[in-house]
Amino acid sequence: MPETSSPDDGASTFRAGPEAFTLTLSLGGRYAGEQNWAIQPERSALVARVQTDFGGVLPELRRLQVSRLHPRFLTSLGYAEGDGRGRATFETTFDRKTGLVTLRQGKEEATLPLTTEYHDPVSLLLWLRGLGEEERATTRLTGGQVLVQRLPDAEVGDVPARAYFLRPGGAYVYVEREAPHRLLRLIQPTDFGPVEALLQPARKGQPERRRRRGG
């Protein structure tokens, strides 16, 4: 059996369950799209679906990410990424029976031994919600090791938050200090500049946004 990725020698303190929330994207203070999260248990796993609709100052583009997670450790059981219209353009499968990780991108396929637990880009963020007071932590994506560095606590919209910096990649993640440890703010470097994602409160009767191409 693969060992649990460091520092996952125990289960995450965050317990994911049915949940839905929306992050609004901005670039240089201007609207750049939306990201909708939906998390729910399915069979023996948690499944997180993240649909990102870029727009505004960014080219209109949709990205759909689907992550299957271990319900206790929140490590990845499988990951797929595409435009939501058909077959995934990138897919990772963790087969514990054969002890192999299979990566598919287009028609290309590669395998490597499954010797530890891995995260994917979605499961990593959910795992961070339960990291607690760790000052430093390491975990792994299929592309290599990720170093998580704790930054001084901050406030996001008057909500106390734990702040993390991820290397490589240079992303910033802000997690609500108190339960339910919501993802409050993300900052991700891109070719266009740093894109910020900010949690939007659910509002009853909020009018639906104009549908974009591909919607």
C-alpha atoms as a PDB file:
ATOM      1  CA  MET A   1       0.000   0.000   0.000  1.00  0.00           C
ATOM      2  CA  PRO A   2       1.279   3.504  -0.743  1.00  0.00           C
ATOM      3  CA  GLU A   3       2.292   5.512   2.276  1.00  0.00           C
ATOM      4  CA  THR A   4       0.415   8.678   3.063  1.00  0.00           C
ATOM      5  CA  SER A   5       2.027  11.830   1.710  1.00  0.00           C
ATOM      6  CA  SER A   6       3.829  14.006   4.224  1.00  0.00           C
ATOM      7  CA  PRO A   7       2.544  15.369   6.537  1.00  0.00           C
ATOM      8  CA  ASP A   8      -0.609  13.242   6.125  1.00  0.00           C
ATOM      9  CA  ASP A   9       0.239  10.747   8.863  1.00  0.00           C
ATOM     10  CA  GLY A  10      -3.329  11.305  10.043  1.00  0.00           C
ATOM     11  CA  ALA A  11      -6.587  12.342   8.502  1.00  0.00           C
ATOM     12  CA  SER A  12      -7.218  15.950   7.598  1.00  0.00           C
ATOM     13  CA  THR A  13      -9.002  17.945  10.284  1.00  0.00           C
ATOM     14  CA  PHE A  14     -11.346  19.231   7.575  1.00  0.00           C
ATOM     15  CA  ARG A  15     -14.282  16.963   6.771  1.00  0.00           C
ATOM     16  CA  ALA A  16     -15.578  17.624   3.285  1.00  0.00           C
ATOM     17  CA  GLY A  17     -19.232  17.018   2.627  1.00  0.00           C
ATOM     18  CA  PRO A  18     -21.913  18.227   0.226  1.00  0.00           C
ATOM     19  CA  GLU A  19     -21.001  21.811  -0.525  1.00  0.00           C
ATOM     20  CA  ALA A  20     -21.303  24.397  -3.284  1.00  0.00           C
ATOM     21  CA  PHE A  21     -19.708  27.810  -3.550  1.00  0.00           C
ATOM     22  CA  THR A  22     -18.578  30.372  -6.106  1.00  0.00           C
ATOM     23  CA  LEU A  23     -15.366  32.374  -6.461  1.00  0.00           C
ATOM     24  CA  THR A  24     -15.245  35.523  -8.570  1.00  0.00           C
ATOM     25  CA  LEU A  25     -12.092  35.982 -10.650  1.00  0.00           C
ATOM     26  CA  SER A  26     -10.335  39.278 -11.231  1.00  0.00           C
ATOM     27  CA  LEU A  27      -7.180  40.437 -12.978  1.00  0.00           C
ATOM     28  CA  GLY A  28      -5.751  43.813 -12.054  1.00  0.00           C
ATOM     29  CA  GLY A  29      -8.992  44.640 -10.233  1.00  0.00           C
ATOM     30  CA  ARG A  30     -11.162  43.911 -13.293  1.00  0.00           C
ATOM     31  CA  TYR A  31     -13.685  41.091 -13.680  1.00  0.00           C
ATOM     32  CA  ALA A  32     -12.126  37.962 -15.218  1.00  0.00           C
ATOM     33  CA  GLY A  33     -14.724  35.211 -14.738  1.00  0.00           C
ATOM     34  CA  GLU A  34     -16.232  32.832 -12.208  1.00  0.00           C
ATOM     35  CA  GLN A  35     -15.301  29.526 -10.623  1.00  0.00           C
ATOM     36  CA  ASN A  36     -18.048  27.244  -9.332  1.00  0.00           C
ATOM     37  CA  TRP A  37     -17.302  24.423  -6.896  1.00  0.00           C
ATOM     38  CA  ALA A  38     -19.567  21.456  -6.135  1.00  0.00           C
ATOM     39  CA  ILE A  39     -18.471  18.759  -3.644  1.00  0.00           C
ATOM     40  CA  GLN A  40     -20.469  15.655  -2.842  1.00  0.00           C
ATOM     41  CA  PRO A  41     -19.926  12.058  -1.715  1.00  0.00           C
ATOM     42  CA  GLU A  42     -20.228   9.410  -4.431  1.00  0.00           C
ATOM     43  CA  ARG A  43     -19.845   5.755  -3.495  1.00  0.00           C
ATOM     44  CA  SER A  44     -16.600   5.387  -1.518  1.00  0.00           C
ATOM     45  CA  ALA A  45     -15.145   8.762  -2.507  1.00  0.00           C
ATOM     46  CA  LEU A  46     -15.733  12.482  -2.442  1.00  0.00           C
ATOM     47  CA  VAL A  47     -16.081  14.083  -5.850  1.00  0.00           C
ATOM     48  CA  ALA A  48     -15.259  17.739  -6.394  1.00  0.00           C
ATOM     49  CA  ARG A  49     -16.272  19.400  -9.660  1.00  0.00           C
ATOM     50  CA  VAL A  50     -14.772  22.790 -10.398  1.00  0.00           C
ATOM     51  CA  GLN A  51     -16.027  24.717 -13.426  1.00  0.00           C
ATOM     52  CA  THR A  52     -14.114  27.861 -14.307  1.00  0.00           C
ATOM     53  CA  ASP A  53     -15.604  30.253 -16.843  1.00  0.00           C
ATOM     54  CA  PHE A  54     -13.051  32.868 -17.823  1.00  0.00           C
ATOM     55  CA  GLY A  55     -14.301  36.119 -19.317  1.00  0.00           C
ATOM     56  CA  GLY A  56     -14.238  39.860 -18.893  1.00  0.00           C
ATOM     57  CA  VAL A  57     -10.627  40.951 -19.425  1.00  0.00           C
ATOM     58  CA  LEU A  58      -9.608  37.354 -20.220  1.00  0.00           C
ATOM     59  CA  PRO A  59     -10.508  35.337 -23.322  1.00  0.00           C
ATOM     60  CA  GLU A  60     -13.813  33.500 -22.853  1.00  0.00           C
ATOM     61  CA  LEU A  61     -12.885  29.931 -22.030  1.00  0.00           C
ATOM     62  CA  ARG A  62     -14.302  27.133 -19.913  1.00  0.00           C
ATOM     63  CA  ARG A  63     -12.274  24.649 -17.871  1.00  0.00           C
ATOM     64  CA  LEU A  64     -13.807  21.721 -16.000  1.00  0.00           C
ATOM     65  CA  GLN A  65     -11.813  19.875 -13.335  1.00  0.00           C
ATOM     66  CA  VAL A  66     -13.098  16.719 -11.656  1.00  0.00           C
ATOM     67  CA  SER A  67     -11.281  15.263  -8.650  1.00  0.00           C
ATOM     68  CA  ARG A  68     -12.119  12.041  -6.823  1.00  0.00           C
ATOM     69  CA  LEU A  69     -10.754  12.183  -3.276  1.00  0.00           C
ATOM     70  CA  HIS A  70     -10.179   9.775  -0.420  1.00  0.00           C
ATOM     71  CA  PRO A  71     -12.992  10.712   2.000  1.00  0.00           C
ATOM     72  CA  ARG A  72     -10.674  10.760   5.032  1.00  0.00           C
ATOM     73  CA  PHE A  73      -7.224  11.803   3.845  1.00  0.00           C
ATOM     74  CA  LEU A  74      -8.433  14.002   0.941  1.00  0.00           C
ATOM     75  CA  THR A  75      -5.683  12.639  -1.296  1.00  0.00           C
ATOM     76  CA  SER A  76      -6.436  12.081  -4.962  1.00  0.00           C
ATOM     77  CA  LEU A  77      -8.043   8.903  -6.278  1.00  0.00           C
ATOM     78  CA  GLY A  78      -8.334  10.293  -9.799  1.00  0.00           C
ATOM     79  CA  TYR A  79      -8.329  13.587 -11.666  1.00  0.00           C
ATOM     80  CA  ALA A  80      -9.548  14.812 -15.044  1.00  0.00           C
ATOM     81  CA  GLU A  81      -9.423  18.181 -16.749  1.00  0.00           C
ATOM     82  CA  GLY A  82     -11.039  19.411 -19.947  1.00  0.00           C
ATOM     83  CA  ASP A  83     -13.451  21.928 -21.447  1.00  0.00           C
ATOM     84  CA  GLY A  84     -16.562  20.133 -20.206  1.00  0.00           C
ATOM     85  CA  ARG A  85     -17.764  19.298 -23.713  1.00  0.00           C
ATOM     86  CA  GLY A  86     -16.301  15.869 -24.182  1.00  0.00           C
ATOM     87  CA  ARG A  87     -13.412  13.649 -23.216  1.00  0.00           C
ATOM     88  CA  ALA A  88     -10.890  15.066 -20.764  1.00  0.00           C
ATOM     89  CA  THR A  89      -7.763  16.558 -22.306  1.00  0.00           C
ATOM     90  CA  PHE A  90      -5.721  15.554 -19.242  1.00  0.00           C
ATOM     91  CA  GLU A  91      -6.408  12.651 -16.891  1.00  0.00           C
ATOM     92  CA  THR A  92      -4.625  10.953 -13.998  1.00  0.00           C
ATOM     93  CA  THR A  93      -5.605   7.531 -12.654  1.00  0.00           C
ATOM     94  CA  PHE A  94      -4.255   5.981  -9.447  1.00  0.00           C
ATOM     95  CA  ASP A  95      -4.630   2.192  -9.615  1.00  0.00           C
ATOM     96  CA  ARG A  96      -3.845   0.671  -6.228  1.00  0.00           C
ATOM     97  CA  LYS A  97      -4.371  -2.890  -7.498  1.00  0.00           C
ATOM     98  CA  THR A  98      -1.592  -2.631 -10.073  1.00  0.00           C
ATOM     99  CA  GLY A  99       0.432  -0.040  -8.130  1.00  0.00           C
ATOM    100  CA  LEU A 100       0.588   2.308 -11.105  1.00  0.00           C
ATOM    101  CA  VAL A 101      -0.162   5.930 -11.839  1.00  0.00           C
ATOM    102  CA  THR A 102      -1.384   6.509 -15.404  1.00  0.00           C
ATOM    103  CA  LEU A 103      -1.238   9.968 -16.978  1.00  0.00           C
ATOM    104  CA  ARG A 104      -3.038  10.686 -20.232  1.00  0.00           C
ATOM    105  CA  GLN A 105      -2.790  13.869 -22.251  1.00  0.00           C
ATOM    106  CA  GLY A 106      -4.454  13.731 -25.617  1.00  0.00           C
ATOM    107  CA  LYS A 107      -3.261  10.523 -27.258  1.00  0.00           C
ATOM    108  CA  GLU A 108      -0.119  10.314 -25.148  1.00  0.00           C
ATOM    109  CA  GLU A 109       0.024   8.049 -22.108  1.00  0.00           C
ATOM    110  CA  ALA A 110       2.665   7.420 -19.450  1.00  0.00           C
ATOM    111  CA  THR A 111       2.839   5.346 -16.268  1.00  0.00           C
ATOM    112  CA  LEU A 112       4.896   5.492 -13.088  1.00  0.00           C
ATOM    113  CA  PRO A 113       4.969   3.433  -9.882  1.00  0.00           C
ATOM    114  CA  LEU A 114       2.422   4.351  -7.217  1.00  0.00           C
ATOM    115  CA  THR A 115       4.701   4.467  -4.174  1.00  0.00           C
ATOM    116  CA  THR A 116       3.094   7.307  -2.210  1.00  0.00           C
ATOM    117  CA  GLU A 117      -0.145   9.231  -2.046  1.00  0.00           C
ATOM    118  CA  TYR A 118      -0.644  12.165  -4.397  1.00  0.00           C
ATOM    119  CA  HIS A 119      -2.741  15.287  -4.606  1.00  0.00           C
ATOM    120  CA  ASP A 120      -4.165  16.909  -7.700  1.00  0.00           C
ATOM    121  CA  PRO A 121      -4.745  20.672  -8.157  1.00  0.00           C
ATOM    122  CA  VAL A 122      -8.249  20.423  -6.627  1.00  0.00           C
ATOM    123  CA  SER A 123      -7.620  17.962  -3.793  1.00  0.00           C
ATOM    124  CA  LEU A 124      -4.587  20.006  -2.723  1.00  0.00           C
ATOM    125  CA  LEU A 125      -6.779  23.039  -1.998  1.00  0.00           C
ATOM    126  CA  LEU A 126      -9.329  21.001  -0.055  1.00  0.00           C
ATOM    127  CA  TRP A 127      -6.531  19.329   1.939  1.00  0.00           C
ATOM    128  CA  LEU A 128      -5.172  22.772   2.865  1.00  0.00           C
ATOM    129  CA  ARG A 129      -8.493  23.555   4.531  1.00  0.00           C
ATOM    130  CA  GLY A 130      -7.654  21.018   7.224  1.00  0.00           C
ATOM    131  CA  LEU A 131      -3.925  21.620   7.568  1.00  0.00           C
ATOM    132  CA  GLY A 132      -4.353  23.431  10.880  1.00  0.00           C
ATOM    133  CA  GLU A 133      -1.415  25.205  12.500  1.00  0.00           C
ATOM    134  CA  GLU A 134       1.394  23.566  10.513  1.00  0.00           C
ATOM    135  CA  GLU A 135       4.104  26.115   9.683  1.00  0.00           C
ATOM    136  CA  ARG A 136       5.524  24.055   6.822  1.00  0.00           C
ATOM    137  CA  ALA A 137       4.328  20.985   5.010  1.00  0.00           C
ATOM    138  CA  THR A 138       5.175  19.001   1.908  1.00  0.00           C
ATOM    139  CA  THR A 139       3.027  16.903  -0.341  1.00  0.00           C
ATOM    140  CA  ARG A 140       3.186  15.656  -3.920  1.00  0.00           C
ATOM    141  CA  LEU A 141       1.504  16.267  -7.214  1.00  0.00           C
ATOM    142  CA  THR A 142       2.317  13.968 -10.110  1.00  0.00           C
ATOM    143  CA  GLY A 143       4.574  16.743 -11.409  1.00  0.00           C
ATOM    144  CA  GLY A 144       6.688  16.831  -8.266  1.00  0.00           C
ATOM    145  CA  GLN A 145       6.858  17.887  -4.646  1.00  0.00           C
ATOM    146  CA  VAL A 146       4.915  20.882  -3.342  1.00  0.00           C
ATOM    147  CA  LEU A 147       6.197  22.943  -0.418  1.00  0.00           C
ATOM    148  CA  VAL A 148       3.495  24.660   1.645  1.00  0.00           C
ATOM    149  CA  GLN A 149       4.727  27.639   3.672  1.00  0.00           C
ATOM    150  CA  ARG A 150       2.541  29.252   6.335  1.00  0.00           C
ATOM    151  CA  LEU A 151       2.379  33.045   6.143  1.00  0.00           C
ATOM    152  CA  PRO A 152       1.182  35.468   8.842  1.00  0.00           C
ATOM    153  CA  ASP A 153      -2.559  35.310   9.383  1.00  0.00           C
ATOM    154  CA  ALA A 154      -4.651  37.825   7.459  1.00  0.00           C
ATOM    155  CA  GLU A 155      -8.235  38.958   7.051  1.00  0.00           C
ATOM    156  CA  VAL A 156     -10.302  38.504   3.922  1.00  0.00           C
ATOM    157  CA  GLY A 157     -13.402  40.655   4.002  1.00  0.00           C
ATOM    158  CA  ASP A 158     -13.100  40.964   7.803  1.00  0.00           C
ATOM    159  CA  VAL A 159     -12.916  37.167   8.133  1.00  0.00           C
ATOM    160  CA  PRO A 160      -9.761  35.850   9.938  1.00  0.00           C
ATOM    161  CA  ALA A 161      -7.804  33.584   7.618  1.00  0.00           C
ATOM    162  CA  ARG A 162      -4.748  31.340   7.535  1.00  0.00           C
ATOM    163  CA  ALA A 163      -2.479  32.198   4.617  1.00  0.00           C
ATOM    164  CA  TYR A 164      -0.268  29.799   2.655  1.00  0.00           C
ATOM    165  CA  PHE A 165       2.302  30.168  -0.106  1.00  0.00           C
ATOM    166  CA  LEU A 166       2.875  27.227  -2.458  1.00  0.00           C
ATOM    167  CA  ARG A 167       6.135  26.436  -4.237  1.00  0.00           C
ATOM    168  CA  PRO A 168       6.744  25.833  -7.054  1.00  0.00           C
ATOM    169  CA  GLY A 169       4.026  27.825  -8.757  1.00  0.00           C
ATOM    170  CA  GLY A 170       3.906  30.812  -6.435  1.00  0.00           C
ATOM    171  CA  ALA A 171       0.205  30.548  -5.541  1.00  0.00           C
ATOM    172  CA  TYR A 172      -1.322  32.092  -2.413  1.00  0.00           C
ATOM    173  CA  VAL A 173      -4.204  30.409  -0.574  1.00  0.00           C
ATOM    174  CA  TYR A 174      -6.308  32.001   2.173  1.00  0.00           C
ATOM    175  CA  VAL A 175      -8.414  29.665   4.320  1.00  0.00           C
ATOM    176  CA  GLU A 176     -10.962  30.684   6.943  1.00  0.00           C
ATOM    177  CA  ARG A 177      -9.485  30.065  10.407  1.00  0.00           C
ATOM    178  CA  GLU A 178     -12.716  28.820  11.975  1.00  0.00           C
ATOM    179  CA  ALA A 179     -14.980  26.036  10.742  1.00  0.00           C
ATOM    180  CA  PRO A 180     -16.085  25.391   8.077  1.00  0.00           C
ATOM    181  CA  HIS A 181     -12.625  26.584   6.872  1.00  0.00           C
ATOM    182  CA  ARG A 182     -13.856  28.019   3.595  1.00  0.00           C
ATOM    183  CA  LEU A 183     -11.538  28.864   0.718  1.00  0.00           C
ATOM    184  CA  LEU A 184     -11.712  32.653   0.925  1.00  0.00           C
ATOM    185  CA  ARG A 185      -9.128  33.844  -1.569  1.00  0.00           C
ATOM    186  CA  LEU A 186      -6.731  32.355  -4.113  1.00  0.00           C
ATOM    187  CA  ILE A 187      -4.026  34.136  -6.107  1.00  0.00           C
ATOM    188  CA  GLN A 188      -2.562  32.233  -9.044  1.00  0.00           C
ATOM    189  CA  PRO A 189       0.203  33.527 -11.349  1.00  0.00           C
ATOM    190  CA  THR A 190      -0.703  33.232 -15.052  1.00  0.00           C
ATOM    191  CA  ASP A 191       0.704  34.386 -18.376  1.00  0.00           C
ATOM    192  CA  PHE A 192      -1.695  37.356 -18.143  1.00  0.00           C
ATOM    193  CA  GLY A 193      -0.641  38.266 -14.603  1.00  0.00           C
ATOM    194  CA  PRO A 194      -1.837  37.182 -11.145  1.00  0.00           C
ATOM    195  CA  VAL A 195      -5.490  36.086 -11.229  1.00  0.00           C
ATOM    196  CA  GLU A 196      -7.326  36.498  -7.936  1.00  0.00           C
ATOM    197  CA  ALA A 197     -10.301  34.345  -6.919  1.00  0.00           C
ATOM    198  CA  LEU A 198     -12.481  35.703  -4.118  1.00  0.00           C
ATOM    199  CA  LEU A 199     -15.274  33.804  -2.367  1.00  0.00           C
ATOM    200  CA  GLN A 200     -18.679  35.331  -2.948  1.00  0.00           C
ATOM    201  CA  PRO A 201     -21.385  34.989  -0.294  1.00  0.00           C
ATOM    202  CA  ALA A 202     -24.491  33.097  -1.352  1.00  0.00           C
ATOM    203  CA  ARG A 203     -27.359  35.520  -1.906  1.00  0.00           C
ATOM    204  CA  LYS A 204     -30.981  34.550  -2.095  1.00  0.00           C
ATOM    205  CA  GLY A 205     -32.629  35.786  -5.239  1.00  0.00           C
ATOM    206  CA  GLN A 206     -29.345  36.830  -6.829  1.00  0.00           C
ATOM    207  CA  PRO A 207     -29.939  37.258 -10.588  1.00  0.00           C
ATOM    208  CA  GLU A 208     -28.225  34.761 -12.850  1.00  0.00           C
ATOM    209  CA  ARG A 209     -25.232  36.088 -14.754  1.00  0.00           C
ATOM    210  CA  ARG A 210     -25.333  36.384 -18.501  1.00  0.00           C
ATOM    211  CA  ARG A 211     -24.495  33.035 -20.026  1.00  0.00           C
ATOM    212  CA  ARG A 212     -21.249  32.930 -21.915  1.00  0.00           C
ATOM    213  CA  ARG A 213     -20.287  31.007 -24.977  1.00  0.00           C
ATOM    214  CA  GLY A 214     -20.137  27.317 -24.306  1.00  0.00           C
ATOM    215  CA  GLY A 215     -22.714  27.630 -21.475  1.00  0.00           C
END
